[in-house]
């Protein structure tokens, strides 16, 4: 499938994958906001409700991205560390985009400490995923040592 691929191909595939997850997260966020608007209006629980709803989407996006990264590396011979370097800014941008509405809701309620905590949790998840996949760089996937 990607035997002759290069970093540009990886970037395109990663962009497509993240765009799908971004749309899923945006839809989920709007659903939560609609539920809150219909029932409670402005509530300090809204940002937390959004976080709870988009966390599994973020986790799924990272798992899919790491799977793509490893498979692309194995099939093309491009080092995992090189692909991690390509993926890092894209994953950071994706994370900021999926957090955008949650941060806006928290800002409206002056929950600045909560914003920092949300960002820290999501950014840590990205860094852990990249670190964990980077550990595989010398080992084929599915082979235990």
C-alpha atoms as a PDB file:
ATOM      1  CA  UNK A   1       0.000   0.000   0.000  1.00  0.00           C
ATOM      2  CA  UNK A   2       2.720   2.546   0.915  1.00  0.00           C
ATOM      3  CA  UNK A   3       5.871   0.715  -0.233  1.00  0.00           C
ATOM      4  CA  UNK A   4       7.092   3.693  -2.241  1.00  0.00           C
ATOM      5  CA  UNK A   5       5.600   6.426  -0.086  1.00  0.00           C
ATOM      6  CA  UNK A   6       7.470   9.432   1.221  1.00  0.00           C
ATOM      7  CA  UNK A   7       6.912  11.904   4.041  1.00  0.00           C
ATOM      8  CA  UNK A   8       4.534  13.944   1.894  1.00  0.00           C
ATOM      9  CA  UNK A   9       2.314  10.895   1.464  1.00  0.00           C
ATOM     10  CA  UNK A  10       2.378  10.306   5.211  1.00  0.00           C
ATOM     11  CA  UNK A  11       1.425  13.934   5.866  1.00  0.00           C
ATOM     12  CA  UNK A  12      -1.507  13.713   3.466  1.00  0.00           C
ATOM     13  CA  UNK A  13      -2.753  10.478   5.010  1.00  0.00           C
ATOM     14  CA  UNK A  14      -2.377  11.881   8.530  1.00  0.00           C
ATOM     15  CA  UNK A  15      -4.196  15.085   7.542  1.00  0.00           C
ATOM     16  CA  UNK A  16      -7.108  13.046   6.161  1.00  0.00           C
ATOM     17  CA  UNK A  17      -7.267  10.878   9.277  1.00  0.00           C
ATOM     18  CA  UNK A  18      -7.204  13.877  11.628  1.00  0.00           C
ATOM     19  CA  UNK A  19      -9.806  15.753   9.575  1.00  0.00           C
ATOM     20  CA  UNK A  20     -12.265  12.883  10.054  1.00  0.00           C
ATOM     21  CA  UNK A  21     -11.687  12.853  13.815  1.00  0.00           C
ATOM     22  CA  UNK A  22     -11.880  16.666  13.941  1.00  0.00           C
ATOM     23  CA  UNK A  23     -15.341  16.552  12.375  1.00  0.00           C
ATOM     24  CA  UNK A  24     -16.463  13.857  14.825  1.00  0.00           C
ATOM     25  CA  UNK A  25     -15.214  15.957  17.749  1.00  0.00           C
ATOM     26  CA  UNK A  26     -16.906  19.105  16.404  1.00  0.00           C
ATOM     27  CA  UNK A  27     -20.207  17.282  16.064  1.00  0.00           C
ATOM     28  CA  UNK A  28     -19.913  15.850  19.581  1.00  0.00           C
ATOM     29  CA  UNK A  29     -19.088  19.269  21.005  1.00  0.00           C
ATOM     30  CA  UNK A  30     -22.090  20.864  19.312  1.00  0.00           C
ATOM     31  CA  UNK A  31     -24.337  18.108  20.643  1.00  0.00           C
ATOM     32  CA  UNK A  32     -23.160  18.741  24.215  1.00  0.00           C
ATOM     33  CA  UNK A  33     -23.596  22.497  23.816  1.00  0.00           C
ATOM     34  CA  UNK A  34     -27.116  21.967  22.454  1.00  0.00           C
ATOM     35  CA  UNK A  35     -28.044  19.711  25.354  1.00  0.00           C
ATOM     36  CA  UNK A  36     -26.814  22.291  27.849  1.00  0.00           C
ATOM     37  CA  UNK A  37     -28.557  25.146  26.047  1.00  0.00           C
ATOM     38  CA  UNK A  38     -31.835  23.230  26.036  1.00  0.00           C
ATOM     39  CA  UNK A  39     -31.690  22.295  29.706  1.00  0.00           C
ATOM     40  CA  UNK A  40     -29.464  24.373  31.923  1.00  0.00           C
ATOM     41  CA  UNK A  41     -28.246  27.241  29.802  1.00  0.00           C
ATOM     42  CA  UNK A  42     -24.819  28.466  30.948  1.00  0.00           C
ATOM     43  CA  UNK A  43     -23.337  25.999  33.377  1.00  0.00           C
ATOM     44  CA  UNK A  44     -19.806  25.717  34.700  1.00  0.00           C
ATOM     45  CA  UNK A  45     -20.129  21.980  33.989  1.00  0.00           C
ATOM     46  CA  UNK A  46     -20.275  22.572  30.216  1.00  0.00           C
ATOM     47  CA  UNK A  47     -16.492  22.526  29.599  1.00  0.00           C
ATOM     48  CA  UNK A  48     -16.133  19.327  31.630  1.00  0.00           C
ATOM     49  CA  UNK A  49     -19.035  17.729  29.750  1.00  0.00           C
ATOM     50  CA  UNK A  50     -17.340  18.628  26.468  1.00  0.00           C
ATOM     51  CA  UNK A  51     -14.047  17.190  27.702  1.00  0.00           C
ATOM     52  CA  UNK A  52     -15.706  13.932  28.688  1.00  0.00           C
ATOM     53  CA  UNK A  53     -17.315  13.673  25.271  1.00  0.00           C
ATOM     54  CA  UNK A  54     -14.247  14.472  23.153  1.00  0.00           C
ATOM     55  CA  UNK A  55     -11.624  12.579  25.186  1.00  0.00           C
ATOM     56  CA  UNK A  56     -12.467   9.195  23.607  1.00  0.00           C
ATOM     57  CA  UNK A  57     -12.417  10.832  20.168  1.00  0.00           C
ATOM     58  CA  UNK A  58      -8.996  12.342  20.870  1.00  0.00           C
ATOM     59  CA  UNK A  59      -7.720   9.000  22.157  1.00  0.00           C
ATOM     60  CA  UNK A  60      -9.053   7.222  19.074  1.00  0.00           C
ATOM     61  CA  UNK A  61      -7.447   9.793  16.766  1.00  0.00           C
ATOM     62  CA  UNK A  62      -4.089   9.324  18.477  1.00  0.00           C
ATOM     63  CA  UNK A  63      -4.336   5.532  18.322  1.00  0.00           C
ATOM     64  CA  UNK A  64      -5.210   5.686  14.608  1.00  0.00           C
ATOM     65  CA  UNK A  65      -2.389   8.163  13.946  1.00  0.00           C
ATOM     66  CA  UNK A  66       0.164   6.006  15.773  1.00  0.00           C
ATOM     67  CA  UNK A  67      -1.019   2.904  13.911  1.00  0.00           C
ATOM     68  CA  UNK A  68      -0.638   4.763  10.609  1.00  0.00           C
ATOM     69  CA  UNK A  69       2.799   5.996  11.633  1.00  0.00           C
ATOM     70  CA  UNK A  70       4.089   2.525  12.523  1.00  0.00           C
ATOM     71  CA  UNK A  71       2.605   0.879   9.435  1.00  0.00           C
ATOM     72  CA  UNK A  72       3.945   3.612   7.162  1.00  0.00           C
ATOM     73  CA  UNK A  73       7.399   3.270   8.718  1.00  0.00           C
ATOM     74  CA  UNK A  74       7.406  -0.511   8.354  1.00  0.00           C
ATOM     75  CA  UNK A  75       6.300  -0.419   4.726  1.00  0.00           C
ATOM     76  CA  UNK A  76       8.490   2.443   3.534  1.00  0.00           C
ATOM     77  CA  UNK A  77      11.566   2.153   5.745  1.00  0.00           C
ATOM     78  CA  UNK A  78      11.249   5.759   6.926  1.00  0.00           C
ATOM     79  CA  UNK A  79      12.321   5.907  10.571  1.00  0.00           C
ATOM     80  CA  UNK A  80       9.589   6.191  13.194  1.00  0.00           C
ATOM     81  CA  UNK A  81      11.459   9.125  14.732  1.00  0.00           C
ATOM     82  CA  UNK A  82      11.322  11.022  11.426  1.00  0.00           C
ATOM     83  CA  UNK A  83       7.597  10.392  11.097  1.00  0.00           C
ATOM     84  CA  UNK A  84       7.087  11.440  14.735  1.00  0.00           C
ATOM     85  CA  UNK A  85       8.740  14.734  13.825  1.00  0.00           C
ATOM     86  CA  UNK A  86       6.260  15.177  10.989  1.00  0.00           C
ATOM     87  CA  UNK A  87       3.291  14.126  13.136  1.00  0.00           C
ATOM     88  CA  UNK A  88       4.036  16.202  16.260  1.00  0.00           C
ATOM     89  CA  UNK A  89       2.959  19.644  14.931  1.00  0.00           C
ATOM     90  CA  UNK A  90      -0.054  18.147  13.159  1.00  0.00           C
ATOM     91  CA  UNK A  91      -1.206  16.417  16.350  1.00  0.00           C
ATOM     92  CA  UNK A  92      -0.648  19.613  18.350  1.00  0.00           C
ATOM     93  CA  UNK A  93      -2.746  21.573  15.856  1.00  0.00           C
ATOM     94  CA  UNK A  94      -5.456  18.902  15.875  1.00  0.00           C
ATOM     95  CA  UNK A  95      -5.523  18.997  19.682  1.00  0.00           C
ATOM     96  CA  UNK A  96      -5.866  22.785  19.742  1.00  0.00           C
ATOM     97  CA  UNK A  97      -8.691  22.612  17.228  1.00  0.00           C
ATOM     98  CA  UNK A  98     -10.702  20.009  19.129  1.00  0.00           C
ATOM     99  CA  UNK A  99     -10.216  21.977  22.358  1.00  0.00           C
ATOM    100  CA  UNK A 100     -11.239  25.303  20.841  1.00  0.00           C
ATOM    101  CA  UNK A 101     -14.957  25.301  21.743  1.00  0.00           C
ATOM    102  CA  UNK A 102     -14.289  23.857  25.186  1.00  0.00           C
ATOM    103  CA  UNK A 103     -11.761  26.629  25.851  1.00  0.00           C
ATOM    104  CA  UNK A 104     -14.231  29.258  24.612  1.00  0.00           C
ATOM    105  CA  UNK A 105     -16.905  27.932  26.973  1.00  0.00           C
ATOM    106  CA  UNK A 106     -14.465  27.912  29.891  1.00  0.00           C
ATOM    107  CA  UNK A 107     -13.300  31.455  29.049  1.00  0.00           C
ATOM    108  CA  UNK A 108     -16.875  32.740  29.086  1.00  0.00           C
ATOM    109  CA  UNK A 109     -17.167  31.408  32.618  1.00  0.00           C
ATOM    110  CA  UNK A 110     -13.722  32.643  33.648  1.00  0.00           C
ATOM    111  CA  UNK A 111     -12.447  29.129  34.365  1.00  0.00           C
ATOM    112  CA  UNK A 112      -8.812  29.875  33.557  1.00  0.00           C
ATOM    113  CA  UNK A 113      -7.422  27.151  35.817  1.00  0.00           C
ATOM    114  CA  UNK A 114      -9.677  24.589  34.140  1.00  0.00           C
ATOM    115  CA  UNK A 115      -8.419  25.657  30.701  1.00  0.00           C
ATOM    116  CA  UNK A 116      -4.823  25.035  31.739  1.00  0.00           C
ATOM    117  CA  UNK A 117      -5.761  21.627  33.120  1.00  0.00           C
ATOM    118  CA  UNK A 118      -7.680  20.648  29.955  1.00  0.00           C
ATOM    119  CA  UNK A 119      -4.773  21.638  27.728  1.00  0.00           C
ATOM    120  CA  UNK A 120      -2.275  19.825  29.947  1.00  0.00           C
ATOM    121  CA  UNK A 121      -4.250  16.568  29.851  1.00  0.00           C
ATOM    122  CA  UNK A 122      -4.719  16.605  26.084  1.00  0.00           C
ATOM    123  CA  UNK A 123      -1.140  17.694  25.322  1.00  0.00           C
ATOM    124  CA  UNK A 124       0.243  15.055  27.690  1.00  0.00           C
ATOM    125  CA  UNK A 125      -1.778  12.413  25.857  1.00  0.00           C
ATOM    126  CA  UNK A 126      -0.173  13.481  22.551  1.00  0.00           C
ATOM    127  CA  UNK A 127       3.343  13.441  24.012  1.00  0.00           C
ATOM    128  CA  UNK A 128       2.818  10.018  25.576  1.00  0.00           C
ATOM    129  CA  UNK A 129       1.537   8.577  22.303  1.00  0.00           C
ATOM    130  CA  UNK A 130       4.556   9.907  20.403  1.00  0.00           C
ATOM    131  CA  UNK A 131       6.956   8.732  23.093  1.00  0.00           C
ATOM    132  CA  UNK A 132       5.436   5.258  23.198  1.00  0.00           C
ATOM    133  CA  UNK A 133       5.504   4.811  19.430  1.00  0.00           C
ATOM    134  CA  UNK A 134       9.062   6.151  19.344  1.00  0.00           C
ATOM    135  CA  UNK A 135      10.144   3.294  21.603  1.00  0.00           C
ATOM    136  CA  UNK A 136       9.149   0.865  18.822  1.00  0.00           C
ATOM    137  CA  UNK A 137      11.593   2.334  16.331  1.00  0.00           C
ATOM    138  CA  UNK A 138      13.918  -0.665  16.417  1.00  0.00           C
ATOM    139  CA  UNK A 139      11.320  -3.418  16.737  1.00  0.00           C
ATOM    140  CA  UNK A 140       8.797  -4.695  14.234  1.00  0.00           C
ATOM    141  CA  UNK A 141       5.189  -4.363  15.333  1.00  0.00           C
ATOM    142  CA  UNK A 142       3.641  -7.479  16.840  1.00  0.00           C
ATOM    143  CA  UNK A 143       6.928  -9.145  17.743  1.00  0.00           C
ATOM    144  CA  UNK A 144       7.696  -9.377  21.420  1.00  0.00           C
ATOM    145  CA  UNK A 145      11.277  -9.313  22.585  1.00  0.00           C
END
